[in-house]
Amino acid sequence: MPFMLRNIEVRYGARMALSIESLAIRAGSSTAVMGPNGAGKTTLLRVLAGLMDPVRGTVTYEGEPITSEHLARHRQKVCLLHQNPLLFDTTVLENVAFGLRARGVPRAEIQQRVGQALTLVGCADIQKRRARELSGGEEKRVAIARALVLDPEVLLLDEPLANVDQITAKALEEVFRAREERGQTLIFSTHDGRLAHRLARDVVVLRDGRPSPSPYENLFTGRLLTNGETALFDTGKVRIAVPPGLSTTGHISIGPDEILLSQEPLQSSARNAFKGRVTRIEEHAEGVLDVAVEAGEPFTVRVTQQSFQELGLAIGARVYITFKSTAVKPL
């Protein structure tokens, strides 16, 4: 694990901004930090970058504490891109080359690496333009190129796709996927749950500075299979019928309220029906239960307590779950 946080507390005056008992972030993978405004996402990124000291607890990177003693070495390995990065009032090329020049990289290598970084983000043809002449999307691409050119072990991105056009967002998503495939560790913040689950392998949800369960339930990873008008999502364990015309997606979710629970197969037009076994029963709210069913994949079904009692079920009971293809939502 590149990062390990234990008993972390960060405060802004009397307000608790971050409180994390334990959190490990994997190396060579992408992690999304998700939550609403004020949840602590930016604070967590600043702590990971070594720009903010917790009032309590320890943060380590590759087993080494992120303290003043190791800070210079840590900042050579980790790069944080702020949500609204500032570019110098000079050319695109000079902006991207700045960090390399500060590190004493030879001129020939700088030219090569800057060219590669700008090509990667689709800005190779604007390197002679001045930063003040760029659009918002171009500014974000150049700022990301300025971070990528340093080739950090860990890239921290604060809301990297906020306030950019759809074309820029799609292009940058491809850039981030390519970096992960190279084994770089990416950690980015977002308030967009669909983006988080689409782009990241791991998702950390924060609410009021504390880790929280994901708002998405029955979340599955896999691949889309199409044959004419038939579309199935293959998780590797089950194949789930999805709505026709669904574009390529690697993640889906199914609302637990949209799954029917029964003791026998239902006579229904629903295209998804799986036989399973009840493995857990928990109270979701007053009069409402969450029933965990193992049916090739683990599903959560939300039913009223009255319905559950009428079915006469208990842990270990054999059941059927049924849901329509339109209940499947791509992420």
C-alpha atoms as a PDB file:
ATOM      1  CA  MET A   1       0.000   0.000   0.000  1.00  0.00           C
ATOM      2  CA  PRO A   2       1.533   3.360  -0.955  1.00  0.00           C
ATOM      3  CA  PHE A   3      -0.527   5.338   1.593  1.00  0.00           C
ATOM      4  CA  MET A   4      -1.668   4.288   5.038  1.00  0.00           C
ATOM      5  CA  LEU A   5      -3.609   6.618   7.324  1.00  0.00           C
ATOM      6  CA  ARG A   6      -4.257   5.798  10.967  1.00  0.00           C
ATOM      7  CA  ASN A   7      -6.321   7.794  13.477  1.00  0.00           C
ATOM      8  CA  ILE A   8      -6.138  10.960  11.384  1.00  0.00           C
ATOM      9  CA  GLU A   9      -7.731  14.202  12.540  1.00  0.00           C
ATOM     10  CA  VAL A  10      -7.547  17.538  10.732  1.00  0.00           C
ATOM     11  CA  ARG A  11      -9.277  20.623  12.101  1.00  0.00           C
ATOM     12  CA  TYR A  12     -10.023  24.097  10.830  1.00  0.00           C
ATOM     13  CA  GLY A  13     -10.338  25.919  14.115  1.00  0.00           C
ATOM     14  CA  ALA A  14     -12.985  24.100  16.114  1.00  0.00           C
ATOM     15  CA  ARG A  15     -14.432  22.336  13.069  1.00  0.00           C
ATOM     16  CA  MET A  16     -13.398  18.756  12.357  1.00  0.00           C
ATOM     17  CA  ALA A  17     -12.478  18.651   8.665  1.00  0.00           C
ATOM     18  CA  LEU A  18     -11.209  15.076   8.514  1.00  0.00           C
ATOM     19  CA  SER A  19     -11.498  12.127  10.863  1.00  0.00           C
ATOM     20  CA  ILE A  20     -10.252   8.782   9.514  1.00  0.00           C
ATOM     21  CA  GLU A  21      -9.580   5.829  11.789  1.00  0.00           C
ATOM     22  CA  SER A  22      -7.908   3.698   9.111  1.00  0.00           C
ATOM     23  CA  LEU A  23      -7.492   4.004   5.350  1.00  0.00           C
ATOM     24  CA  ALA A  24      -5.170   2.192   2.936  1.00  0.00           C
ATOM     25  CA  ILE A  25      -4.747   3.237  -0.701  1.00  0.00           C
ATOM     26  CA  ARG A  26      -3.381   0.741  -3.214  1.00  0.00           C
ATOM     27  CA  ALA A  27      -0.330   1.364  -5.383  1.00  0.00           C
ATOM     28  CA  GLY A  28      -0.455   1.294  -9.176  1.00  0.00           C
ATOM     29  CA  SER A  29      -4.197   1.800  -9.256  1.00  0.00           C
ATOM     30  CA  SER A  30      -6.811   4.555  -9.378  1.00  0.00           C
ATOM     31  CA  THR A  31      -8.753   5.681  -6.321  1.00  0.00           C
ATOM     32  CA  ALA A  32     -11.627   8.151  -6.296  1.00  0.00           C
ATOM     33  CA  VAL A  33     -12.382  10.262  -3.239  1.00  0.00           C
ATOM     34  CA  MET A  34     -16.088  10.999  -3.540  1.00  0.00           C
ATOM     35  CA  GLY A  35     -18.430  13.236  -1.591  1.00  0.00           C
ATOM     36  CA  PRO A  36     -20.388  16.506  -1.582  1.00  0.00           C
ATOM     37  CA  ASN A  37     -18.848  19.940  -1.127  1.00  0.00           C
ATOM     38  CA  GLY A  38     -17.282  20.279   2.305  1.00  0.00           C
ATOM     39  CA  ALA A  39     -16.919  16.515   2.779  1.00  0.00           C
ATOM     40  CA  GLY A  40     -13.129  16.706   3.240  1.00  0.00           C
ATOM     41  CA  LYS A  41     -12.001  15.588  -0.216  1.00  0.00           C
ATOM     42  CA  THR A  42      -9.511  18.414  -0.846  1.00  0.00           C
ATOM     43  CA  THR A  43      -8.263  18.218   2.732  1.00  0.00           C
ATOM     44  CA  LEU A  44      -7.465  14.521   2.290  1.00  0.00           C
ATOM     45  CA  LEU A  45      -5.544  15.197  -0.932  1.00  0.00           C
ATOM     46  CA  ARG A  46      -3.540  17.956   0.779  1.00  0.00           C
ATOM     47  CA  VAL A  47      -2.667  15.592   3.631  1.00  0.00           C
ATOM     48  CA  LEU A  48      -1.513  12.937   1.142  1.00  0.00           C
ATOM     49  CA  ALA A  49       0.586  15.545  -0.681  1.00  0.00           C
ATOM     50  CA  GLY A  50       2.298  16.601   2.537  1.00  0.00           C
ATOM     51  CA  LEU A  51       0.827  20.103   2.353  1.00  0.00           C
ATOM     52  CA  MET A  52      -1.207  19.793   5.546  1.00  0.00           C
ATOM     53  CA  ASP A  53      -0.299  18.211   8.869  1.00  0.00           C
ATOM     54  CA  PRO A  54      -2.957  16.342  10.843  1.00  0.00           C
ATOM     55  CA  VAL A  55      -3.382  17.423  14.452  1.00  0.00           C
ATOM     56  CA  ARG A  56      -3.472  13.739  15.343  1.00  0.00           C
ATOM     57  CA  GLY A  57      -2.543  10.417  13.768  1.00  0.00           C
ATOM     58  CA  THR A  58       0.020   9.176  11.254  1.00  0.00           C
ATOM     59  CA  VAL A  59       0.252   9.156   7.458  1.00  0.00           C
ATOM     60  CA  THR A  60       2.847   6.994   5.732  1.00  0.00           C
ATOM     61  CA  TYR A  61       3.865   6.557   2.118  1.00  0.00           C
ATOM     62  CA  GLU A  62       5.572   3.246   1.318  1.00  0.00           C
ATOM     63  CA  GLY A  63       6.071   2.780   5.048  1.00  0.00           C
ATOM     64  CA  GLU A  64       7.798   6.151   5.523  1.00  0.00           C
ATOM     65  CA  PRO A  65       6.057   8.822   7.651  1.00  0.00           C
ATOM     66  CA  ILE A  66       5.113  12.014   5.793  1.00  0.00           C
ATOM     67  CA  THR A  67       6.871  14.405   8.148  1.00  0.00           C
ATOM     68  CA  SER A  68       9.162  17.408   7.733  1.00  0.00           C
ATOM     69  CA  GLU A  69      12.164  15.082   7.834  1.00  0.00           C
ATOM     70  CA  HIS A  70      11.033  13.230   4.692  1.00  0.00           C
ATOM     71  CA  LEU A  71       8.959  15.958   3.027  1.00  0.00           C
ATOM     72  CA  ALA A  72      11.400  16.991   0.281  1.00  0.00           C
ATOM     73  CA  ARG A  73      11.782  13.393  -0.899  1.00  0.00           C
ATOM     74  CA  HIS A  74       8.029  12.843  -0.686  1.00  0.00           C
ATOM     75  CA  ARG A  75       7.285  15.838  -2.913  1.00  0.00           C
ATOM     76  CA  GLN A  76       9.605  14.460  -5.564  1.00  0.00           C
ATOM     77  CA  LYS A  77       7.337  11.417  -5.796  1.00  0.00           C
ATOM     78  CA  VAL A  78       3.880  12.939  -5.337  1.00  0.00           C
ATOM     79  CA  CYS A  79       2.264  15.714  -7.378  1.00  0.00           C
ATOM     80  CA  LEU A  80      -1.002  17.504  -6.504  1.00  0.00           C
ATOM     81  CA  LEU A  81      -3.015  19.278  -9.196  1.00  0.00           C
ATOM     82  CA  HIS A  82      -5.427  21.777  -7.644  1.00  0.00           C
ATOM     83  CA  GLN A  83      -8.990  22.181  -8.864  1.00  0.00           C
ATOM     84  CA  ASN A  84      -8.267  25.654 -10.257  1.00  0.00           C
ATOM     85  CA  PRO A  85      -4.567  25.523 -11.188  1.00  0.00           C
ATOM     86  CA  LEU A  86      -2.775  28.752 -12.074  1.00  0.00           C
ATOM     87  CA  LEU A  87      -0.647  28.925 -15.193  1.00  0.00           C
ATOM     88  CA  PHE A  88       2.276  31.301 -15.536  1.00  0.00           C
ATOM     89  CA  ASP A  89       1.790  34.245 -17.903  1.00  0.00           C
ATOM     90  CA  THR A  90       4.041  32.734 -20.524  1.00  0.00           C
ATOM     91  CA  THR A  91       3.752  30.141 -23.290  1.00  0.00           C
ATOM     92  CA  VAL A  92       2.250  26.694 -22.933  1.00  0.00           C
ATOM     93  CA  LEU A  93       5.683  25.173 -23.562  1.00  0.00           C
ATOM     94  CA  GLU A  94       7.296  27.262 -20.809  1.00  0.00           C
ATOM     95  CA  ASN A  95       4.542  26.345 -18.361  1.00  0.00           C
ATOM     96  CA  VAL A  96       4.948  22.621 -18.905  1.00  0.00           C
ATOM     97  CA  ALA A  97       8.753  22.815 -18.877  1.00  0.00           C
ATOM     98  CA  PHE A  98       8.949  24.782 -15.617  1.00  0.00           C
ATOM     99  CA  GLY A  99       9.118  21.846 -13.196  1.00  0.00           C
ATOM    100  CA  LEU A 100      11.734  20.018 -15.245  1.00  0.00           C
ATOM    101  CA  ARG A 101      13.947  23.102 -15.437  1.00  0.00           C
ATOM    102  CA  ALA A 102      13.635  23.585 -11.682  1.00  0.00           C
ATOM    103  CA  ARG A 103      14.918  20.032 -11.262  1.00  0.00           C
ATOM    104  CA  GLY A 104      17.896  20.610 -13.558  1.00  0.00           C
ATOM    105  CA  VAL A 105      16.804  18.264 -16.336  1.00  0.00           C
ATOM    106  CA  PRO A 106      18.926  18.664 -19.535  1.00  0.00           C
ATOM    107  CA  ARG A 107      17.401  20.838 -22.273  1.00  0.00           C
ATOM    108  CA  ALA A 108      17.141  18.053 -24.861  1.00  0.00           C
ATOM    109  CA  GLU A 109      15.286  15.813 -22.419  1.00  0.00           C
ATOM    110  CA  ILE A 110      12.990  18.690 -21.466  1.00  0.00           C
ATOM    111  CA  GLN A 111      12.002  19.223 -25.090  1.00  0.00           C
ATOM    112  CA  GLN A 112      11.274  15.530 -25.559  1.00  0.00           C
ATOM    113  CA  ARG A 113       9.252  15.119 -22.356  1.00  0.00           C
ATOM    114  CA  VAL A 114       7.277  18.341 -22.836  1.00  0.00           C
ATOM    115  CA  GLY A 115       6.378  17.289 -26.376  1.00  0.00           C
ATOM    116  CA  GLN A 116       5.208  13.879 -25.160  1.00  0.00           C
ATOM    117  CA  ALA A 117       3.117  15.348 -22.331  1.00  0.00           C
ATOM    118  CA  LEU A 118       1.413  17.901 -24.576  1.00  0.00           C
ATOM    119  CA  THR A 119       0.707  15.254 -27.197  1.00  0.00           C
ATOM    120  CA  LEU A 120      -0.811  13.029 -24.528  1.00  0.00           C
ATOM    121  CA  VAL A 121      -3.366  15.692 -23.524  1.00  0.00           C
ATOM    122  CA  GLY A 122      -4.014  16.813 -27.109  1.00  0.00           C
ATOM    123  CA  CYS A 123      -2.222  20.163 -26.907  1.00  0.00           C
ATOM    124  CA  ALA A 124       0.855  19.607 -29.084  1.00  0.00           C
ATOM    125  CA  ASP A 125      -0.328  22.233 -31.577  1.00  0.00           C
ATOM    126  CA  ILE A 126      -0.719  25.074 -29.054  1.00  0.00           C
ATOM    127  CA  GLN A 127       2.627  24.969 -27.277  1.00  0.00           C
ATOM    128  CA  LYS A 128       3.627  28.427 -28.541  1.00  0.00           C
ATOM    129  CA  ARG A 129       0.426  30.117 -27.392  1.00  0.00           C
ATOM    130  CA  ARG A 130       0.385  32.160 -24.206  1.00  0.00           C
ATOM    131  CA  ALA A 131      -1.561  30.867 -21.231  1.00  0.00           C
ATOM    132  CA  ARG A 132      -3.923  33.866 -21.178  1.00  0.00           C
ATOM    133  CA  GLU A 133      -5.082  32.972 -24.708  1.00  0.00           C
ATOM    134  CA  LEU A 134      -6.314  29.503 -23.718  1.00  0.00           C
ATOM    135  CA  SER A 135      -9.878  28.350 -23.183  1.00  0.00           C
ATOM    136  CA  GLY A 136     -10.883  26.815 -19.849  1.00  0.00           C
ATOM    137  CA  GLY A 137     -10.594  23.291 -21.246  1.00  0.00           C
ATOM    138  CA  GLU A 138      -7.171  24.028 -22.730  1.00  0.00           C
ATOM    139  CA  GLU A 139      -5.969  25.476 -19.414  1.00  0.00           C
ATOM    140  CA  LYS A 140      -6.988  22.281 -17.603  1.00  0.00           C
ATOM    141  CA  ARG A 141      -5.230  20.099 -20.207  1.00  0.00           C
ATOM    142  CA  VAL A 142      -2.020  22.143 -19.994  1.00  0.00           C
ATOM    143  CA  ALA A 143      -2.067  22.044 -16.193  1.00  0.00           C
ATOM    144  CA  ILE A 144      -2.410  18.259 -16.307  1.00  0.00           C
ATOM    145  CA  ALA A 145       0.443  18.054 -18.828  1.00  0.00           C
ATOM    146  CA  ARG A 146       2.572  20.128 -16.428  1.00  0.00           C
ATOM    147  CA  ALA A 147       1.936  17.504 -13.742  1.00  0.00           C
ATOM    148  CA  LEU A 148       2.360  14.486 -16.028  1.00  0.00           C
ATOM    149  CA  VAL A 149       5.682  15.689 -17.432  1.00  0.00           C
ATOM    150  CA  LEU A 150       7.250  15.245 -13.984  1.00  0.00           C
ATOM    151  CA  ASP A 151       6.285  11.537 -14.118  1.00  0.00           C
ATOM    152  CA  PRO A 152       5.396  11.344 -10.406  1.00  0.00           C
ATOM    153  CA  GLU A 153       4.798   8.013  -8.714  1.00  0.00           C
ATOM    154  CA  VAL A 154       1.496   9.381  -7.409  1.00  0.00           C
ATOM    155  CA  LEU A 155      -0.742  11.910  -9.142  1.00  0.00           C
ATOM    156  CA  LEU A 156      -3.301  13.646  -6.911  1.00  0.00           C
ATOM    157  CA  LEU A 157      -6.085  15.416  -8.815  1.00  0.00           C
ATOM    158  CA  ASP A 158      -8.633  17.694  -7.160  1.00  0.00           C
ATOM    159  CA  GLU A 159     -11.889  17.616  -9.208  1.00  0.00           C
ATOM    160  CA  PRO A 160      -9.917  17.183 -12.479  1.00  0.00           C
ATOM    161  CA  LEU A 161     -13.003  17.104 -14.720  1.00  0.00           C
ATOM    162  CA  ALA A 162     -14.959  19.907 -13.053  1.00  0.00           C
ATOM    163  CA  ASN A 163     -16.037  22.780 -15.323  1.00  0.00           C
ATOM    164  CA  VAL A 164     -14.635  21.280 -18.533  1.00  0.00           C
ATOM    165  CA  ASP A 165     -16.505  20.525 -21.747  1.00  0.00           C
ATOM    166  CA  GLN A 166     -17.545  16.990 -22.657  1.00  0.00           C
ATOM    167  CA  ILE A 167     -14.828  16.554 -25.290  1.00  0.00           C
ATOM    168  CA  THR A 168     -12.097  17.585 -22.832  1.00  0.00           C
ATOM    169  CA  ALA A 169     -13.557  15.374 -20.104  1.00  0.00           C
ATOM    170  CA  LYS A 170     -13.589  12.317 -22.358  1.00  0.00           C
ATOM    171  CA  ALA A 171     -10.025  12.976 -23.546  1.00  0.00           C
ATOM    172  CA  LEU A 172      -8.735  13.373 -19.989  1.00  0.00           C
ATOM    173  CA  GLU A 173     -10.471  10.193 -18.853  1.00  0.00           C
ATOM    174  CA  GLU A 174      -8.475   8.338 -21.509  1.00  0.00           C
ATOM    175  CA  VAL A 175      -5.281  10.010 -20.288  1.00  0.00           C
ATOM    176  CA  PHE A 176      -5.938   8.874 -16.721  1.00  0.00           C
ATOM    177  CA  ARG A 177      -6.704   5.303 -17.812  1.00  0.00           C
ATOM    178  CA  ALA A 178      -3.466   5.202 -19.784  1.00  0.00           C
ATOM    179  CA  ARG A 179      -1.476   6.364 -16.749  1.00  0.00           C
ATOM    180  CA  GLU A 180      -3.027   3.677 -14.580  1.00  0.00           C
ATOM    181  CA  GLU A 181      -2.185   1.040 -17.192  1.00  0.00           C
ATOM    182  CA  ARG A 182       1.437   2.190 -16.863  1.00  0.00           C
ATOM    183  CA  GLY A 183       1.280   1.450 -13.144  1.00  0.00           C
ATOM    184  CA  GLN A 184       1.002   5.031 -11.902  1.00  0.00           C
ATOM    185  CA  THR A 185      -1.045   5.636  -8.759  1.00  0.00           C
ATOM    186  CA  LEU A 186      -3.915   8.071  -9.387  1.00  0.00           C
ATOM    187  CA  ILE A 187      -6.019   9.551  -6.594  1.00  0.00           C
ATOM    188  CA  PHE A 188      -8.702  12.023  -7.608  1.00  0.00           C
ATOM    189  CA  SER A 189     -11.584  13.787  -5.915  1.00  0.00           C
ATOM    190  CA  THR A 190     -15.058  14.170  -7.379  1.00  0.00           C
ATOM    191  CA  HIS A 191     -18.657  14.777  -6.349  1.00  0.00           C
ATOM    192  CA  ASP A 192     -19.816  12.695  -9.344  1.00  0.00           C
ATOM    193  CA  GLY A 193     -20.532   9.135  -8.227  1.00  0.00           C
ATOM    194  CA  ARG A 194     -20.860   7.801 -11.749  1.00  0.00           C
ATOM    195  CA  LEU A 195     -17.470   9.208 -12.722  1.00  0.00           C
ATOM    196  CA  ALA A 196     -15.893   7.800  -9.561  1.00  0.00           C
ATOM    197  CA  HIS A 197     -17.077   4.258 -10.200  1.00  0.00           C
ATOM    198  CA  ARG A 198     -16.464   4.452 -13.943  1.00  0.00           C
ATOM    199  CA  LEU A 199     -12.874   5.652 -13.703  1.00  0.00           C
ATOM    200  CA  ALA A 200     -11.545   4.264 -10.414  1.00  0.00           C
ATOM    201  CA  ARG A 201     -10.887   0.764  -9.159  1.00  0.00           C
ATOM    202  CA  ASP A 202     -11.415   1.859  -5.540  1.00  0.00           C
ATOM    203  CA  VAL A 203     -13.804   4.502  -4.217  1.00  0.00           C
ATOM    204  CA  VAL A 204     -13.528   6.264  -0.855  1.00  0.00           C
ATOM    205  CA  VAL A 205     -16.725   8.079   0.114  1.00  0.00           C
ATOM    206  CA  LEU A 206     -16.462  10.965   2.586  1.00  0.00           C
ATOM    207  CA  ARG A 207     -19.272  12.700   4.456  1.00  0.00           C
ATOM    208  CA  ASP A 208     -18.510  15.389   7.030  1.00  0.00           C
ATOM    209  CA  GLY A 209     -14.858  14.364   6.932  1.00  0.00           C
ATOM    210  CA  ARG A 210     -15.526  10.722   7.735  1.00  0.00           C
ATOM    211  CA  PRO A 211     -15.556   7.596   5.535  1.00  0.00           C
ATOM    212  CA  SER A 212     -19.085   6.581   4.587  1.00  0.00           C
ATOM    213  CA  PRO A 213     -20.698   3.709   2.657  1.00  0.00           C
ATOM    214  CA  SER A 214     -21.084   4.217  -1.081  1.00  0.00           C
ATOM    215  CA  PRO A 215     -24.488   5.571  -2.173  1.00  0.00           C
ATOM    216  CA  TYR A 216     -24.456   2.957  -4.937  1.00  0.00           C
ATOM    217  CA  GLU A 217     -25.707  -0.520  -4.087  1.00  0.00           C
ATOM    218  CA  ASN A 218     -25.524  -3.737  -6.082  1.00  0.00           C
ATOM    219  CA  LEU A 219     -22.515  -2.294  -7.862  1.00  0.00           C
ATOM    220  CA  PHE A 220     -20.872  -4.660 -10.345  1.00  0.00           C
ATOM    221  CA  THR A 221     -17.803  -4.503 -12.556  1.00  0.00           C
ATOM    222  CA  GLY A 222     -17.584  -6.356 -15.842  1.00  0.00           C
ATOM    223  CA  ARG A 223     -18.019  -5.983 -19.594  1.00  0.00           C
ATOM    224  CA  LEU A 224     -20.874  -5.421 -21.992  1.00  0.00           C
ATOM    225  CA  LEU A 225     -21.758  -8.170 -24.482  1.00  0.00           C
ATOM    226  CA  THR A 226     -24.020  -7.344 -27.409  1.00  0.00           C
ATOM    227  CA  ASN A 227     -25.622  -9.526 -30.068  1.00  0.00           C
ATOM    228  CA  GLY A 228     -28.057  -7.611 -32.221  1.00  0.00           C
ATOM    229  CA  GLU A 229     -30.633  -6.081 -29.906  1.00  0.00           C
ATOM    230  CA  THR A 230     -29.630  -8.323 -26.999  1.00  0.00           C
ATOM    231  CA  ALA A 231     -27.267  -6.763 -24.456  1.00  0.00           C
ATOM    232  CA  LEU A 232     -25.835  -8.551 -21.427  1.00  0.00           C
ATOM    233  CA  PHE A 233     -23.474  -7.352 -18.726  1.00  0.00           C
ATOM    234  CA  ASP A 234     -21.001 -10.105 -17.855  1.00  0.00           C
ATOM    235  CA  THR A 235     -19.486  -9.864 -14.354  1.00  0.00           C
ATOM    236  CA  GLY A 236     -17.544 -13.080 -14.827  1.00  0.00           C
ATOM    237  CA  LYS A 237     -20.013 -14.861 -12.510  1.00  0.00           C
ATOM    238  CA  VAL A 238     -23.442 -13.853 -13.824  1.00  0.00           C
ATOM    239  CA  ARG A 239     -24.824 -12.295 -16.977  1.00  0.00           C
ATOM    240  CA  ILE A 240     -27.320  -9.510 -16.410  1.00  0.00           C
ATOM    241  CA  ALA A 241     -29.723  -8.313 -19.117  1.00  0.00           C
ATOM    242  CA  VAL A 242     -29.422  -4.563 -19.623  1.00  0.00           C
ATOM    243  CA  PRO A 243     -31.528  -2.074 -21.619  1.00  0.00           C
ATOM    244  CA  PRO A 244     -31.077  -2.186 -25.422  1.00  0.00           C
ATOM    245  CA  GLY A 245     -28.854   0.528 -26.847  1.00  0.00           C
ATOM    246  CA  LEU A 246     -26.698   0.794 -23.731  1.00  0.00           C
ATOM    247  CA  SER A 247     -23.254   2.130 -24.651  1.00  0.00           C
ATOM    248  CA  THR A 248     -20.052   0.475 -23.504  1.00  0.00           C
ATOM    249  CA  THR A 249     -19.716   0.523 -19.724  1.00  0.00           C
ATOM    250  CA  GLY A 250     -17.560  -1.250 -17.184  1.00  0.00           C
ATOM    251  CA  HIS A 251     -19.779  -0.663 -14.146  1.00  0.00           C
ATOM    252  CA  ILE A 252     -23.463  -1.010 -13.392  1.00  0.00           C
ATOM    253  CA  SER A 253     -25.674  -0.602 -10.332  1.00  0.00           C
ATOM    254  CA  ILE A 254     -29.127  -1.943  -9.494  1.00  0.00           C
ATOM    255  CA  GLY A 255     -31.354  -0.290  -6.917  1.00  0.00           C
ATOM    256  CA  PRO A 256     -32.248  -2.723  -4.107  1.00  0.00           C
ATOM    257  CA  ASP A 257     -35.838  -1.412  -4.203  1.00  0.00           C
ATOM    258  CA  GLU A 258     -36.165  -2.597  -7.811  1.00  0.00           C
ATOM    259  CA  ILE A 259     -35.436  -6.266  -7.090  1.00  0.00           C
ATOM    260  CA  LEU A 260     -38.285  -8.648  -6.251  1.00  0.00           C
ATOM    261  CA  LEU A 261     -37.745 -11.424  -3.727  1.00  0.00           C
ATOM    262  CA  SER A 262     -39.741 -14.687  -3.900  1.00  0.00           C
ATOM    263  CA  GLN A 263     -39.670 -18.311  -2.835  1.00  0.00           C
ATOM    264  CA  GLU A 264     -40.567 -19.573  -6.313  1.00  0.00           C
ATOM    265  CA  PRO A 265     -39.772 -18.309  -9.836  1.00  0.00           C
ATOM    266  CA  LEU A 266     -42.072 -15.439 -10.812  1.00  0.00           C
ATOM    267  CA  GLN A 267     -44.153 -15.414 -13.960  1.00  0.00           C
ATOM    268  CA  SER A 268     -42.929 -12.052 -15.172  1.00  0.00           C
ATOM    269  CA  SER A 269     -41.701 -10.158 -18.219  1.00  0.00           C
ATOM    270  CA  ALA A 270     -38.582  -9.190 -16.269  1.00  0.00           C
ATOM    271  CA  ARG A 271     -35.494 -10.421 -18.094  1.00  0.00           C
ATOM    272  CA  ASN A 272     -33.360 -11.054 -15.016  1.00  0.00           C
ATOM    273  CA  ALA A 273     -34.112 -13.932 -12.635  1.00  0.00           C
ATOM    274  CA  PHE A 274     -31.527 -15.668 -10.451  1.00  0.00           C
ATOM    275  CA  LYS A 275     -31.756 -18.409  -7.857  1.00  0.00           C
ATOM    276  CA  GLY A 276     -29.919 -17.674  -4.631  1.00  0.00           C
ATOM    277  CA  ARG A 277     -29.633 -18.020  -0.880  1.00  0.00           C
ATOM    278  CA  VAL A 278     -30.278 -15.511   1.924  1.00  0.00           C
ATOM    279  CA  THR A 279     -26.972 -14.789   3.682  1.00  0.00           C
ATOM    280  CA  ARG A 280     -27.755 -11.755   5.850  1.00  0.00           C
ATOM    281  CA  ILE A 281     -30.735  -9.759   7.145  1.00  0.00           C
ATOM    282  CA  GLU A 282     -30.313  -6.196   8.425  1.00  0.00           C
ATOM    283  CA  GLU A 283     -32.702  -3.421   9.375  1.00  0.00           C
ATOM    284  CA  HIS A 284     -32.470  -0.556   6.884  1.00  0.00           C
ATOM    285  CA  ALA A 285     -35.082   1.699   8.472  1.00  0.00           C
ATOM    286  CA  GLU A 286     -38.157   1.262  10.603  1.00  0.00           C
ATOM    287  CA  GLY A 287     -40.228  -1.466   9.009  1.00  0.00           C
ATOM    288  CA  VAL A 288     -37.733  -1.975   6.149  1.00  0.00           C
ATOM    289  CA  LEU A 289     -35.124  -4.730   5.811  1.00  0.00           C
ATOM    290  CA  ASP A 290     -32.050  -5.201   3.629  1.00  0.00           C
ATOM    291  CA  VAL A 291     -31.765  -8.845   2.631  1.00  0.00           C
ATOM    292  CA  ALA A 292     -28.422 -10.047   1.282  1.00  0.00           C
ATOM    293  CA  VAL A 293     -28.768 -12.789  -1.326  1.00  0.00           C
ATOM    294  CA  GLU A 294     -25.908 -14.767  -2.823  1.00  0.00           C
ATOM    295  CA  ALA A 295     -26.947 -15.504  -6.405  1.00  0.00           C
ATOM    296  CA  GLY A 296     -23.667 -15.909  -8.248  1.00  0.00           C
ATOM    297  CA  GLU A 297     -22.919 -12.335  -7.167  1.00  0.00           C
ATOM    298  CA  PRO A 298     -23.951 -10.773  -3.843  1.00  0.00           C
ATOM    299  CA  PHE A 299     -27.212  -8.810  -4.210  1.00  0.00           C
ATOM    300  CA  THR A 300     -29.006  -6.616  -1.687  1.00  0.00           C
ATOM    301  CA  VAL A 301     -32.817  -6.634  -1.832  1.00  0.00           C
ATOM    302  CA  ARG A 302     -34.870  -4.078   0.107  1.00  0.00           C
ATOM    303  CA  VAL A 303     -38.250  -5.309   1.359  1.00  0.00           C
ATOM    304  CA  THR A 304     -40.753  -4.347   4.013  1.00  0.00           C
ATOM    305  CA  GLN A 305     -40.621  -6.303   7.224  1.00  0.00           C
ATOM    306  CA  GLN A 306     -44.204  -7.405   6.634  1.00  0.00           C
ATOM    307  CA  SER A 307     -43.383  -8.818   3.185  1.00  0.00           C
ATOM    308  CA  PHE A 308     -40.379 -10.647   4.572  1.00  0.00           C
ATOM    309  CA  GLN A 309     -42.456 -12.205   7.350  1.00  0.00           C
ATOM    310  CA  GLU A 310     -45.152 -13.237   4.889  1.00  0.00           C
ATOM    311  CA  LEU A 311     -42.510 -15.044   2.835  1.00  0.00           C
ATOM    312  CA  GLY A 312     -41.393 -16.854   6.002  1.00  0.00           C
ATOM    313  CA  LEU A 313     -37.702 -16.529   5.161  1.00  0.00           C
ATOM    314  CA  ALA A 314     -34.590 -16.875   7.300  1.00  0.00           C
ATOM    315  CA  ILE A 315     -30.833 -16.944   6.769  1.00  0.00           C
ATOM    316  CA  GLY A 316     -29.983 -19.896   4.531  1.00  0.00           C
ATOM    317  CA  ALA A 317     -33.360 -19.916   2.774  1.00  0.00           C
ATOM    318  CA  ARG A 318     -33.425 -20.603  -0.964  1.00  0.00           C
ATOM    319  CA  VAL A 319     -34.985 -17.697  -2.876  1.00  0.00           C
ATOM    320  CA  TYR A 320     -35.340 -16.144  -6.312  1.00  0.00           C
ATOM    321  CA  ILE A 321     -34.516 -12.544  -7.197  1.00  0.00           C
ATOM    322  CA  THR A 322     -36.142 -10.909 -10.214  1.00  0.00           C
ATOM    323  CA  PHE A 323     -35.647  -7.487 -11.801  1.00  0.00           C
ATOM    324  CA  LYS A 324     -36.198  -5.737 -15.127  1.00  0.00           C
ATOM    325  CA  SER A 325     -33.379  -4.794 -17.451  1.00  0.00           C
ATOM    326  CA  THR A 326     -34.431  -1.136 -17.047  1.00  0.00           C
ATOM    327  CA  ALA A 327     -33.480  -1.407 -13.358  1.00  0.00           C
ATOM    328  CA  VAL A 328     -29.835  -1.693 -14.432  1.00  0.00           C
ATOM    329  CA  LYS A 329     -28.084   1.686 -14.452  1.00  0.00           C
ATOM    330  CA  PRO A 330     -24.724   2.214 -16.193  1.00  0.00           C
ATOM    331  CA  LEU A 331     -22.027   4.207 -14.412  1.00  0.00           C
END
